């Protein structure tokens, strides 16, 4: 059983020789959170070009997640590089690097 999710603006029965755009030329937009408006440079003067609130929310969330991921990666790599630098300095000076501290024993249950 298939779900028919093709928008009503898609033309069926178009020959392959007409190209891949021909079936969709009557569609304004059909993607998640899209507005149903077509972009016209002569009439559209909005900064967001008529984007729906869902589209703006999705873009904002994507930017926030991207920046947070980049910051987390930089912090993680900085910590790893500092630890490696400490190990290399200790090895260069002839001192034995400090052994990693073992985890604390599990708490005894009563």
C-alpha atoms as a PDB file:
ATOM      1  CA  UNK A   1       0.000   0.000   0.000  1.00  0.00           C
ATOM      2  CA  UNK A   2       1.524   3.305  -1.063  1.00  0.00           C
ATOM      3  CA  UNK A   3       0.647   6.776   0.134  1.00  0.00           C
ATOM      4  CA  UNK A   4      -0.017   9.169  -2.733  1.00  0.00           C
ATOM      5  CA  UNK A   5       1.758  12.323  -1.608  1.00  0.00           C
ATOM      6  CA  UNK A   6       2.260  13.910  -5.023  1.00  0.00           C
ATOM      7  CA  UNK A   7       1.016  17.514  -5.061  1.00  0.00           C
ATOM      8  CA  UNK A   8      -1.940  18.234  -7.346  1.00  0.00           C
ATOM      9  CA  UNK A   9       0.140  20.685  -9.399  1.00  0.00           C
ATOM     10  CA  UNK A  10       2.373  17.931 -10.845  1.00  0.00           C
ATOM     11  CA  UNK A  11       1.495  17.089 -14.453  1.00  0.00           C
ATOM     12  CA  UNK A  12       1.319  13.371 -15.208  1.00  0.00           C
ATOM     13  CA  UNK A  13       1.883  11.784 -18.596  1.00  0.00           C
ATOM     14  CA  UNK A  14       4.559  14.233 -19.756  1.00  0.00           C
ATOM     15  CA  UNK A  15       6.996  12.733 -22.246  1.00  0.00           C
ATOM     16  CA  UNK A  16      10.579  12.235 -21.065  1.00  0.00           C
ATOM     17  CA  UNK A  17      11.797  14.192 -24.074  1.00  0.00           C
ATOM     18  CA  UNK A  18      10.173  17.329 -22.613  1.00  0.00           C
ATOM     19  CA  UNK A  19      12.728  17.330 -19.791  1.00  0.00           C
ATOM     20  CA  UNK A  20      12.609  16.951 -16.052  1.00  0.00           C
ATOM     21  CA  UNK A  21      11.189  20.417 -15.278  1.00  0.00           C
ATOM     22  CA  UNK A  22       8.081  20.205 -17.485  1.00  0.00           C
ATOM     23  CA  UNK A  23       5.943  18.145 -15.048  1.00  0.00           C
ATOM     24  CA  UNK A  24       6.530  20.697 -12.286  1.00  0.00           C
ATOM     25  CA  UNK A  25       6.118  24.004 -14.112  1.00  0.00           C
ATOM     26  CA  UNK A  26       2.697  24.702 -12.551  1.00  0.00           C
ATOM     27  CA  UNK A  27       3.974  24.141  -9.001  1.00  0.00           C
ATOM     28  CA  UNK A  28       4.857  27.111  -6.824  1.00  0.00           C
ATOM     29  CA  UNK A  29       6.666  25.086  -4.161  1.00  0.00           C
ATOM     30  CA  UNK A  30       6.059  21.754  -2.574  1.00  0.00           C
ATOM     31  CA  UNK A  31       8.505  21.002   0.188  1.00  0.00           C
ATOM     32  CA  UNK A  32       8.131  20.812   3.937  1.00  0.00           C
ATOM     33  CA  UNK A  33       6.995  24.084   5.551  1.00  0.00           C
ATOM     34  CA  UNK A  34       6.964  25.917   2.206  1.00  0.00           C
ATOM     35  CA  UNK A  35       4.559  28.673   1.357  1.00  0.00           C
ATOM     36  CA  UNK A  36       2.406  28.210  -1.735  1.00  0.00           C
ATOM     37  CA  UNK A  37       3.536  31.473  -3.301  1.00  0.00           C
ATOM     38  CA  UNK A  38       5.709  31.870  -6.349  1.00  0.00           C
ATOM     39  CA  UNK A  39       8.621  34.263  -6.261  1.00  0.00           C
ATOM     40  CA  UNK A  40       8.280  37.278  -8.513  1.00  0.00           C
ATOM     41  CA  UNK A  41      11.087  39.849  -8.328  1.00  0.00           C
ATOM     42  CA  UNK A  42       8.759  42.624  -9.525  1.00  0.00           C
ATOM     43  CA  UNK A  43       6.138  42.204  -6.800  1.00  0.00           C
ATOM     44  CA  UNK A  44       8.038  40.614  -3.900  1.00  0.00           C
ATOM     45  CA  UNK A  45       9.826  43.198  -1.778  1.00  0.00           C
ATOM     46  CA  UNK A  46       9.960  41.277   1.508  1.00  0.00           C
ATOM     47  CA  UNK A  47      13.342  40.442   2.960  1.00  0.00           C
ATOM     48  CA  UNK A  48      12.446  36.766   3.417  1.00  0.00           C
ATOM     49  CA  UNK A  49      10.808  36.549  -0.030  1.00  0.00           C
ATOM     50  CA  UNK A  50       7.561  35.252   1.403  1.00  0.00           C
ATOM     51  CA  UNK A  51       9.063  32.325   3.309  1.00  0.00           C
ATOM     52  CA  UNK A  52       6.666  30.720   5.762  1.00  0.00           C
ATOM     53  CA  UNK A  53       7.216  30.821   9.513  1.00  0.00           C
ATOM     54  CA  UNK A  54       8.013  27.103   9.475  1.00  0.00           C
ATOM     55  CA  UNK A  55      10.788  27.628   6.941  1.00  0.00           C
ATOM     56  CA  UNK A  56      12.303  30.440   8.991  1.00  0.00           C
ATOM     57  CA  UNK A  57      12.075  28.334  12.151  1.00  0.00           C
ATOM     58  CA  UNK A  58      13.736  25.394  10.432  1.00  0.00           C
ATOM     59  CA  UNK A  59      16.574  27.593   9.134  1.00  0.00           C
ATOM     60  CA  UNK A  60      17.078  29.204  12.559  1.00  0.00           C
ATOM     61  CA  UNK A  61      17.187  25.822  14.292  1.00  0.00           C
ATOM     62  CA  UNK A  62      19.678  24.557  11.718  1.00  0.00           C
ATOM     63  CA  UNK A  63      21.975  27.529  12.290  1.00  0.00           C
ATOM     64  CA  UNK A  64      21.762  27.145  16.087  1.00  0.00           C
ATOM     65  CA  UNK A  65      22.554  23.420  15.922  1.00  0.00           C
ATOM     66  CA  UNK A  66      25.446  24.039  13.507  1.00  0.00           C
ATOM     67  CA  UNK A  67      27.030  26.713  15.742  1.00  0.00           C
ATOM     68  CA  UNK A  68      26.560  24.601  18.898  1.00  0.00           C
ATOM     69  CA  UNK A  69      28.137  21.595  17.198  1.00  0.00           C
ATOM     70  CA  UNK A  70      31.090  23.652  15.990  1.00  0.00           C
ATOM     71  CA  UNK A  71      31.676  25.100  19.481  1.00  0.00           C
ATOM     72  CA  UNK A  72      31.445  21.638  21.088  1.00  0.00           C
ATOM     73  CA  UNK A  73      33.907  20.232  18.559  1.00  0.00           C
ATOM     74  CA  UNK A  74      36.423  23.045  19.144  1.00  0.00           C
ATOM     75  CA  UNK A  75      36.208  22.639  22.938  1.00  0.00           C
ATOM     76  CA  UNK A  76      36.626  18.853  22.685  1.00  0.00           C
ATOM     77  CA  UNK A  77      39.577  19.057  20.318  1.00  0.00           C
ATOM     78  CA  UNK A  78      41.230  21.758  22.449  1.00  0.00           C
ATOM     79  CA  UNK A  79      41.049  19.501  25.508  1.00  0.00           C
ATOM     80  CA  UNK A  80      42.503  16.574  23.553  1.00  0.00           C
ATOM     81  CA  UNK A  81      45.341  18.697  22.170  1.00  0.00           C
ATOM     82  CA  UNK A  82      46.206  20.097  25.620  1.00  0.00           C
ATOM     83  CA  UNK A  83      46.305  16.571  27.065  1.00  0.00           C
ATOM     84  CA  UNK A  84      48.577  15.411  24.239  1.00  0.00           C
ATOM     85  CA  UNK A  85      50.857  18.426  24.755  1.00  0.00           C
ATOM     86  CA  UNK A  86      51.159  17.575  28.478  1.00  0.00           C
ATOM     87  CA  UNK A  87      52.059  13.971  27.626  1.00  0.00           C
ATOM     88  CA  UNK A  88      54.671  15.061  25.088  1.00  0.00           C
ATOM     89  CA  UNK A  89      56.245  17.603  27.467  1.00  0.00           C
ATOM     90  CA  UNK A  90      56.426  14.990  30.213  1.00  0.00           C
ATOM     91  CA  UNK A  91      58.053  12.489  27.845  1.00  0.00           C
ATOM     92  CA  UNK A  92      60.530  15.104  26.610  1.00  0.00           C
ATOM     93  CA  UNK A  93      61.640  16.074  30.111  1.00  0.00           C
ATOM     94  CA  UNK A  94      62.250  12.435  31.034  1.00  0.00           C
ATOM     95  CA  UNK A  95      59.587  12.331  33.685  1.00  0.00           C
ATOM     96  CA  UNK A  96      57.055   9.577  33.595  1.00  0.00           C
ATOM     97  CA  UNK A  97      53.635  10.810  32.629  1.00  0.00           C
ATOM     98  CA  UNK A  98      51.120  10.624  35.402  1.00  0.00           C
ATOM     99  CA  UNK A  99      49.039   7.483  35.370  1.00  0.00           C
ATOM    100  CA  UNK A 100      45.383   8.064  34.750  1.00  0.00           C
ATOM    101  CA  UNK A 101      43.330   8.146  37.911  1.00  0.00           C
ATOM    102  CA  UNK A 102      41.137   5.075  38.335  1.00  0.00           C
ATOM    103  CA  UNK A 103      37.405   5.583  38.699  1.00  0.00           C
ATOM    104  CA  UNK A 104      36.048   5.511  42.249  1.00  0.00           C
ATOM    105  CA  UNK A 105      34.728   2.146  43.460  1.00  0.00           C
ATOM    106  CA  UNK A 106      30.970   1.653  43.229  1.00  0.00           C
ATOM    107  CA  UNK A 107      29.003   2.545  46.320  1.00  0.00           C
ATOM    108  CA  UNK A 108      27.995  -0.427  48.453  1.00  0.00           C
ATOM    109  CA  UNK A 109      24.285  -0.966  48.612  1.00  0.00           C
ATOM    110  CA  UNK A 110      22.699  -1.505  52.017  1.00  0.00           C
END
